[in-house]
Amino acid sequence: MLKGAKTVIDFVMDILETVVFIGSIFIVVYLFILTPNQVKGASMEPNFHTGDYILTSRITYKFRKLERGDVVVLKSPKNPDIEYIKRIVGLPGDVLNIKDGDVFINNNLITEKYIAARTNLWEGGCIKDNVPYSIPTDEVFVMGDNRPRSSDSREFCSVPVQSLIGQVFYRYFPANVIGVISNPLPQSIR
């Protein structure tokens, strides 16, 4: 074999090895560490809009507990092929009560400055006005920030913690809102 041909083959093999290595790292990161998602729908307005691109950490809750106020991506309880973006409002063991549009957790009013409108209830939904709801162990109560336009736990009850894909921690598009997603609730409420 000619020396030049061997050099070209070695060069191509080095490139293929690099591509396979980088591809393997990408797949591991995508499947086990973080996932890019695109927001679809108005359920999280005014904080997230259709077309926003976000990163979801699949490992956050392996290192810390769930917190009220965290924004999460989860599998829809009605169709696991669909993913929702919602905010955790109630934790396992909490007692939630919605009375006249206000949300109470364990008899304490939650001040939610991030929501678009008062909390409405759906006829035939899981939650009734001024009727306490106990969140089962290993489940969370999630709601969208745009309460009138969100299909969430008010409709289908709390969801299993296992249905959470991960915590939304960063928005990378559009450019005017790029940044880390912080929890708006005071530490004492979380």
C-alpha atoms as a PDB file:
ATOM      1  CA  MET A   1       0.000   0.000   0.000  1.00  0.00           C
ATOM      2  CA  LEU A   2       1.209   3.461  -0.744  1.00  0.00           C
ATOM      3  CA  LYS A   3       2.355   5.584   2.165  1.00  0.00           C
ATOM      4  CA  GLY A   4      -0.006   8.471   1.167  1.00  0.00           C
ATOM      5  CA  ALA A   5      -3.059   6.162   1.050  1.00  0.00           C
ATOM      6  CA  LYS A   6      -2.224   4.769   4.504  1.00  0.00           C
ATOM      7  CA  THR A   7      -1.976   8.299   5.898  1.00  0.00           C
ATOM      8  CA  VAL A   8      -5.390   9.204   4.437  1.00  0.00           C
ATOM      9  CA  ILE A   9      -6.969   6.032   5.860  1.00  0.00           C
ATOM     10  CA  ASP A  10      -5.441   6.719   9.292  1.00  0.00           C
ATOM     11  CA  PHE A  11      -6.723  10.314   9.135  1.00  0.00           C
ATOM     12  CA  VAL A  12     -10.261   9.152   8.225  1.00  0.00           C
ATOM     13  CA  MET A  13     -10.221   6.544  11.003  1.00  0.00           C
ATOM     14  CA  ASP A  14      -9.141   9.215  13.540  1.00  0.00           C
ATOM     15  CA  ILE A  15     -12.043  11.424  12.449  1.00  0.00           C
ATOM     16  CA  LEU A  16     -14.518   8.509  12.711  1.00  0.00           C
ATOM     17  CA  GLU A  17     -13.261   7.629  16.191  1.00  0.00           C
ATOM     18  CA  THR A  18     -13.703  11.247  17.279  1.00  0.00           C
ATOM     19  CA  VAL A  19     -17.225  11.425  15.804  1.00  0.00           C
ATOM     20  CA  VAL A  20     -18.242   8.159  17.503  1.00  0.00           C
ATOM     21  CA  PHE A  21     -16.774   9.325  20.836  1.00  0.00           C
ATOM     22  CA  ILE A  22     -18.521  12.721  20.705  1.00  0.00           C
ATOM     23  CA  GLY A  23     -21.772  11.071  19.562  1.00  0.00           C
ATOM     24  CA  SER A  24     -21.612   8.634  22.481  1.00  0.00           C
ATOM     25  CA  ILE A  25     -21.096  11.468  24.964  1.00  0.00           C
ATOM     26  CA  PHE A  26     -24.017  13.389  23.429  1.00  0.00           C
ATOM     27  CA  ILE A  27     -26.328  10.355  23.700  1.00  0.00           C
ATOM     28  CA  VAL A  28     -25.387   9.736  27.351  1.00  0.00           C
ATOM     29  CA  VAL A  29     -25.914  13.414  28.236  1.00  0.00           C
ATOM     30  CA  TYR A  30     -29.234  13.538  26.343  1.00  0.00           C
ATOM     31  CA  LEU A  31     -30.640  10.334  27.850  1.00  0.00           C
ATOM     32  CA  PHE A  32     -29.400  10.640  31.427  1.00  0.00           C
ATOM     33  CA  ILE A  33     -28.373  14.205  32.305  1.00  0.00           C
ATOM     34  CA  LEU A  34     -30.190  16.957  30.417  1.00  0.00           C
ATOM     35  CA  THR A  35     -32.723  17.240  27.650  1.00  0.00           C
ATOM     36  CA  PRO A  36     -33.617  20.163  25.415  1.00  0.00           C
ATOM     37  CA  ASN A  37     -37.351  20.896  25.180  1.00  0.00           C
ATOM     38  CA  GLN A  38     -39.518  23.380  23.324  1.00  0.00           C
ATOM     39  CA  VAL A  39     -42.469  25.021  25.060  1.00  0.00           C
ATOM     40  CA  LYS A  40     -45.741  24.468  23.242  1.00  0.00           C
ATOM     41  CA  GLY A  41     -48.949  26.150  24.331  1.00  0.00           C
ATOM     42  CA  ALA A  42     -49.979  28.989  26.604  1.00  0.00           C
ATOM     43  CA  SER A  43     -50.223  27.135  29.929  1.00  0.00           C
ATOM     44  CA  MET A  44     -47.098  28.753  31.426  1.00  0.00           C
ATOM     45  CA  GLU A  45     -47.573  32.339  30.213  1.00  0.00           C
ATOM     46  CA  PRO A  46     -46.454  34.976  31.109  1.00  0.00           C
ATOM     47  CA  ASN A  47     -43.225  33.214  32.159  1.00  0.00           C
ATOM     48  CA  PHE A  48     -42.798  30.777  29.263  1.00  0.00           C
ATOM     49  CA  HIS A  49     -44.199  31.191  25.754  1.00  0.00           C
ATOM     50  CA  THR A  50     -44.729  28.899  22.775  1.00  0.00           C
ATOM     51  CA  GLY A  51     -41.393  28.566  20.997  1.00  0.00           C
ATOM     52  CA  ASP A  52     -39.183  29.056  24.063  1.00  0.00           C
ATOM     53  CA  TYR A  53     -36.340  26.524  24.185  1.00  0.00           C
ATOM     54  CA  ILE A  54     -35.408  25.184  27.605  1.00  0.00           C
ATOM     55  CA  LEU A  55     -32.995  22.690  29.142  1.00  0.00           C
ATOM     56  CA  THR A  56     -34.380  20.112  31.545  1.00  0.00           C
ATOM     57  CA  SER A  57     -32.103  18.511  34.137  1.00  0.00           C
ATOM     58  CA  ARG A  58     -32.837  14.809  34.569  1.00  0.00           C
ATOM     59  CA  ILE A  59     -30.557  14.538  37.622  1.00  0.00           C
ATOM     60  CA  THR A  60     -31.494  17.492  39.864  1.00  0.00           C
ATOM     61  CA  TYR A  61     -33.820  15.422  42.051  1.00  0.00           C
ATOM     62  CA  LYS A  62     -31.179  12.765  42.593  1.00  0.00           C
ATOM     63  CA  PHE A  63     -29.197  15.402  44.538  1.00  0.00           C
ATOM     64  CA  ARG A  64     -31.925  17.464  46.193  1.00  0.00           C
ATOM     65  CA  LYS A  65     -35.572  17.243  47.158  1.00  0.00           C
ATOM     66  CA  LEU A  66     -38.469  18.541  45.110  1.00  0.00           C
ATOM     67  CA  GLU A  67     -39.404  22.117  45.976  1.00  0.00           C
ATOM     68  CA  ARG A  68     -42.617  24.069  45.614  1.00  0.00           C
ATOM     69  CA  GLY A  69     -42.153  26.580  42.810  1.00  0.00           C
ATOM     70  CA  ASP A  70     -39.844  24.399  40.703  1.00  0.00           C
ATOM     71  CA  VAL A  71     -40.713  24.341  37.002  1.00  0.00           C
ATOM     72  CA  VAL A  72     -40.717  20.771  35.703  1.00  0.00           C
ATOM     73  CA  VAL A  73     -41.305  18.788  32.548  1.00  0.00           C
ATOM     74  CA  LEU A  74     -43.500  15.734  33.074  1.00  0.00           C
ATOM     75  CA  LYS A  75     -45.300  13.046  31.144  1.00  0.00           C
ATOM     76  CA  SER A  76     -48.991  13.740  30.667  1.00  0.00           C
ATOM     77  CA  PRO A  77     -51.077  11.467  32.910  1.00  0.00           C
ATOM     78  CA  LYS A  78     -53.551  11.039  30.050  1.00  0.00           C
ATOM     79  CA  ASN A  79     -50.973  10.284  27.331  1.00  0.00           C
ATOM     80  CA  PRO A  80     -47.362   9.519  28.361  1.00  0.00           C
ATOM     81  CA  ASP A  81     -46.148  10.371  24.835  1.00  0.00           C
ATOM     82  CA  ILE A  82     -47.001  14.034  25.518  1.00  0.00           C
ATOM     83  CA  GLU A  83     -44.828  16.180  27.781  1.00  0.00           C
ATOM     84  CA  TYR A  84     -46.124  19.080  29.871  1.00  0.00           C
ATOM     85  CA  ILE A  85     -44.257  21.985  31.444  1.00  0.00           C
ATOM     86  CA  LYS A  86     -45.775  22.912  34.832  1.00  0.00           C
ATOM     87  CA  ARG A  87     -44.864  24.326  38.235  1.00  0.00           C
ATOM     88  CA  ILE A  88     -44.820  22.204  41.402  1.00  0.00           C
ATOM     89  CA  VAL A  89     -47.347  23.722  43.814  1.00  0.00           C
ATOM     90  CA  GLY A  90     -47.868  20.896  46.292  1.00  0.00           C
ATOM     91  CA  LEU A  91     -45.449  18.282  47.613  1.00  0.00           C
ATOM     92  CA  PRO A  92     -46.102  14.727  48.828  1.00  0.00           C
ATOM     93  CA  GLY A  93     -48.133  14.805  52.040  1.00  0.00           C
ATOM     94  CA  ASP A  94     -49.275  18.423  51.639  1.00  0.00           C
ATOM     95  CA  VAL A  95     -52.932  19.390  51.986  1.00  0.00           C
ATOM     96  CA  LEU A  96     -53.952  21.750  49.189  1.00  0.00           C
ATOM     97  CA  ASN A  97     -57.079  23.876  49.226  1.00  0.00           C
ATOM     98  CA  ILE A  98     -58.242  26.331  46.574  1.00  0.00           C
ATOM     99  CA  LYS A  99     -60.741  28.807  47.954  1.00  0.00           C
ATOM    100  CA  ASP A 100     -62.191  31.667  45.892  1.00  0.00           C
ATOM    101  CA  GLY A 101     -59.174  31.643  43.546  1.00  0.00           C
ATOM    102  CA  ASP A 102     -56.530  31.558  46.300  1.00  0.00           C
ATOM    103  CA  VAL A 103     -54.224  28.577  46.841  1.00  0.00           C
ATOM    104  CA  PHE A 104     -53.564  27.337  50.364  1.00  0.00           C
ATOM    105  CA  ILE A 105     -50.926  24.747  51.226  1.00  0.00           C
ATOM    106  CA  ASN A 106     -51.219  23.240  54.704  1.00  0.00           C
ATOM    107  CA  ASN A 107     -53.619  26.087  55.618  1.00  0.00           C
ATOM    108  CA  ASN A 108     -51.106  28.767  54.514  1.00  0.00           C
ATOM    109  CA  LEU A 109     -51.942  31.123  51.654  1.00  0.00           C
ATOM    110  CA  ILE A 110     -49.338  30.937  48.879  1.00  0.00           C
ATOM    111  CA  THR A 111     -48.531  34.287  47.263  1.00  0.00           C
ATOM    112  CA  GLU A 112     -47.959  33.497  43.605  1.00  0.00           C
ATOM    113  CA  LYS A 113     -46.685  36.658  41.902  1.00  0.00           C
ATOM    114  CA  TYR A 114     -45.724  34.620  38.827  1.00  0.00           C
ATOM    115  CA  ILE A 115     -49.262  33.610  37.764  1.00  0.00           C
ATOM    116  CA  ALA A 116     -51.197  35.303  34.966  1.00  0.00           C
ATOM    117  CA  ALA A 117     -54.654  35.169  36.596  1.00  0.00           C
ATOM    118  CA  ARG A 118     -56.358  33.920  39.743  1.00  0.00           C
ATOM    119  CA  THR A 119     -56.698  30.172  40.139  1.00  0.00           C
ATOM    120  CA  ASN A 120     -59.911  28.929  38.600  1.00  0.00           C
ATOM    121  CA  LEU A 121     -61.374  25.438  38.922  1.00  0.00           C
ATOM    122  CA  TRP A 122     -62.767  23.123  36.246  1.00  0.00           C
ATOM    123  CA  GLU A 123     -66.241  21.648  36.513  1.00  0.00           C
ATOM    124  CA  GLY A 124     -65.836  17.904  36.827  1.00  0.00           C
ATOM    125  CA  GLY A 125     -62.167  18.322  37.748  1.00  0.00           C
ATOM    126  CA  CYS A 126     -60.288  16.772  40.636  1.00  0.00           C
ATOM    127  CA  ILE A 127     -60.359  19.871  42.861  1.00  0.00           C
ATOM    128  CA  LYS A 128     -63.497  21.498  44.247  1.00  0.00           C
ATOM    129  CA  ASP A 129     -63.727  24.997  45.741  1.00  0.00           C
ATOM    130  CA  ASN A 130     -62.815  25.019  49.431  1.00  0.00           C
ATOM    131  CA  VAL A 131     -62.516  21.216  49.627  1.00  0.00           C
ATOM    132  CA  PRO A 132     -59.079  20.163  50.967  1.00  0.00           C
ATOM    133  CA  TYR A 133     -57.104  17.726  48.813  1.00  0.00           C
ATOM    134  CA  SER A 134     -54.411  15.552  50.414  1.00  0.00           C
ATOM    135  CA  ILE A 135     -51.496  14.891  48.080  1.00  0.00           C
ATOM    136  CA  PRO A 136     -50.524  11.224  48.302  1.00  0.00           C
ATOM    137  CA  THR A 137     -47.017  10.078  49.163  1.00  0.00           C
ATOM    138  CA  ASP A 138     -44.769   9.994  46.077  1.00  0.00           C
ATOM    139  CA  GLU A 139     -47.012  12.417  44.165  1.00  0.00           C
ATOM    140  CA  VAL A 140     -46.893  16.158  43.451  1.00  0.00           C
ATOM    141  CA  PHE A 141     -49.540  18.717  42.558  1.00  0.00           C
ATOM    142  CA  VAL A 142     -48.620  20.727  39.449  1.00  0.00           C
ATOM    143  CA  MET A 143     -50.229  23.761  37.832  1.00  0.00           C
ATOM    144  CA  GLY A 144     -49.492  26.023  34.912  1.00  0.00           C
ATOM    145  CA  ASP A 145     -48.798  29.711  35.530  1.00  0.00           C
ATOM    146  CA  ASN A 146     -51.616  30.665  33.132  1.00  0.00           C
ATOM    147  CA  ARG A 147     -54.328  29.057  35.249  1.00  0.00           C
ATOM    148  CA  PRO A 148     -57.297  29.664  32.894  1.00  0.00           C
ATOM    149  CA  ARG A 149     -55.408  28.002  30.001  1.00  0.00           C
ATOM    150  CA  SER A 150     -53.692  25.087  31.739  1.00  0.00           C
ATOM    151  CA  SER A 151     -54.601  21.421  31.899  1.00  0.00           C
ATOM    152  CA  ASP A 152     -53.029  20.386  35.187  1.00  0.00           C
ATOM    153  CA  SER A 153     -53.585  18.742  38.583  1.00  0.00           C
ATOM    154  CA  ARG A 154     -56.782  20.742  39.147  1.00  0.00           C
ATOM    155  CA  GLU A 155     -58.206  18.610  36.356  1.00  0.00           C
ATOM    156  CA  PHE A 156     -56.406  15.246  36.663  1.00  0.00           C
ATOM    157  CA  CYS A 157     -55.249  15.264  40.339  1.00  0.00           C
ATOM    158  CA  SER A 158     -51.707  14.951  41.589  1.00  0.00           C
ATOM    159  CA  VAL A 159     -49.138  13.093  39.483  1.00  0.00           C
ATOM    160  CA  PRO A 160     -46.586  10.433  40.469  1.00  0.00           C
ATOM    161  CA  VAL A 161     -43.084  11.746  41.086  1.00  0.00           C
ATOM    162  CA  GLN A 162     -41.895   9.058  38.620  1.00  0.00           C
ATOM    163  CA  SER A 163     -43.723  10.898  35.816  1.00  0.00           C
ATOM    164  CA  LEU A 164     -41.411  13.902  36.246  1.00  0.00           C
ATOM    165  CA  ILE A 165     -38.777  14.017  33.523  1.00  0.00           C
ATOM    166  CA  GLY A 166     -36.806  16.713  35.282  1.00  0.00           C
ATOM    167  CA  GLN A 167     -36.434  20.289  36.445  1.00  0.00           C
ATOM    168  CA  VAL A 168     -36.332  23.147  33.949  1.00  0.00           C
ATOM    169  CA  PHE A 169     -33.159  25.043  34.819  1.00  0.00           C
ATOM    170  CA  TYR A 170     -32.193  27.120  31.766  1.00  0.00           C
ATOM    171  CA  ARG A 171     -33.863  28.901  28.844  1.00  0.00           C
ATOM    172  CA  TYR A 172     -31.643  29.314  25.768  1.00  0.00           C
ATOM    173  CA  PHE A 173     -34.083  30.876  23.275  1.00  0.00           C
ATOM    174  CA  PRO A 174     -35.273  33.552  22.578  1.00  0.00           C
ATOM    175  CA  ALA A 175     -32.224  35.728  23.162  1.00  0.00           C
ATOM    176  CA  ASN A 176     -34.032  38.388  25.209  1.00  0.00           C
ATOM    177  CA  VAL A 177     -34.882  35.879  27.992  1.00  0.00           C
ATOM    178  CA  ILE A 178     -31.818  33.609  27.989  1.00  0.00           C
ATOM    179  CA  GLY A 179     -30.813  32.560  31.479  1.00  0.00           C
ATOM    180  CA  VAL A 180     -31.165  30.370  34.526  1.00  0.00           C
ATOM    181  CA  ILE A 181     -34.709  29.612  35.690  1.00  0.00           C
ATOM    182  CA  SER A 182     -34.966  30.476  39.358  1.00  0.00           C
ATOM    183  CA  ASN A 183     -37.592  29.410  41.859  1.00  0.00           C
ATOM    184  CA  PRO A 184     -39.759  32.469  42.657  1.00  0.00           C
ATOM    185  CA  LEU A 185     -41.031  31.218  46.021  1.00  0.00           C
ATOM    186  CA  PRO A 186     -39.260  32.240  49.238  1.00  0.00           C
ATOM    187  CA  GLN A 187     -37.066  29.557  50.782  1.00  0.00           C
ATOM    188  CA  SER A 188     -39.436  29.303  53.761  1.00  0.00           C
ATOM    189  CA  ILE A 189     -42.335  28.211  51.511  1.00  0.00           C
ATOM    190  CA  ARG A 190     -40.428  25.736  49.388  1.00  0.00           C
END
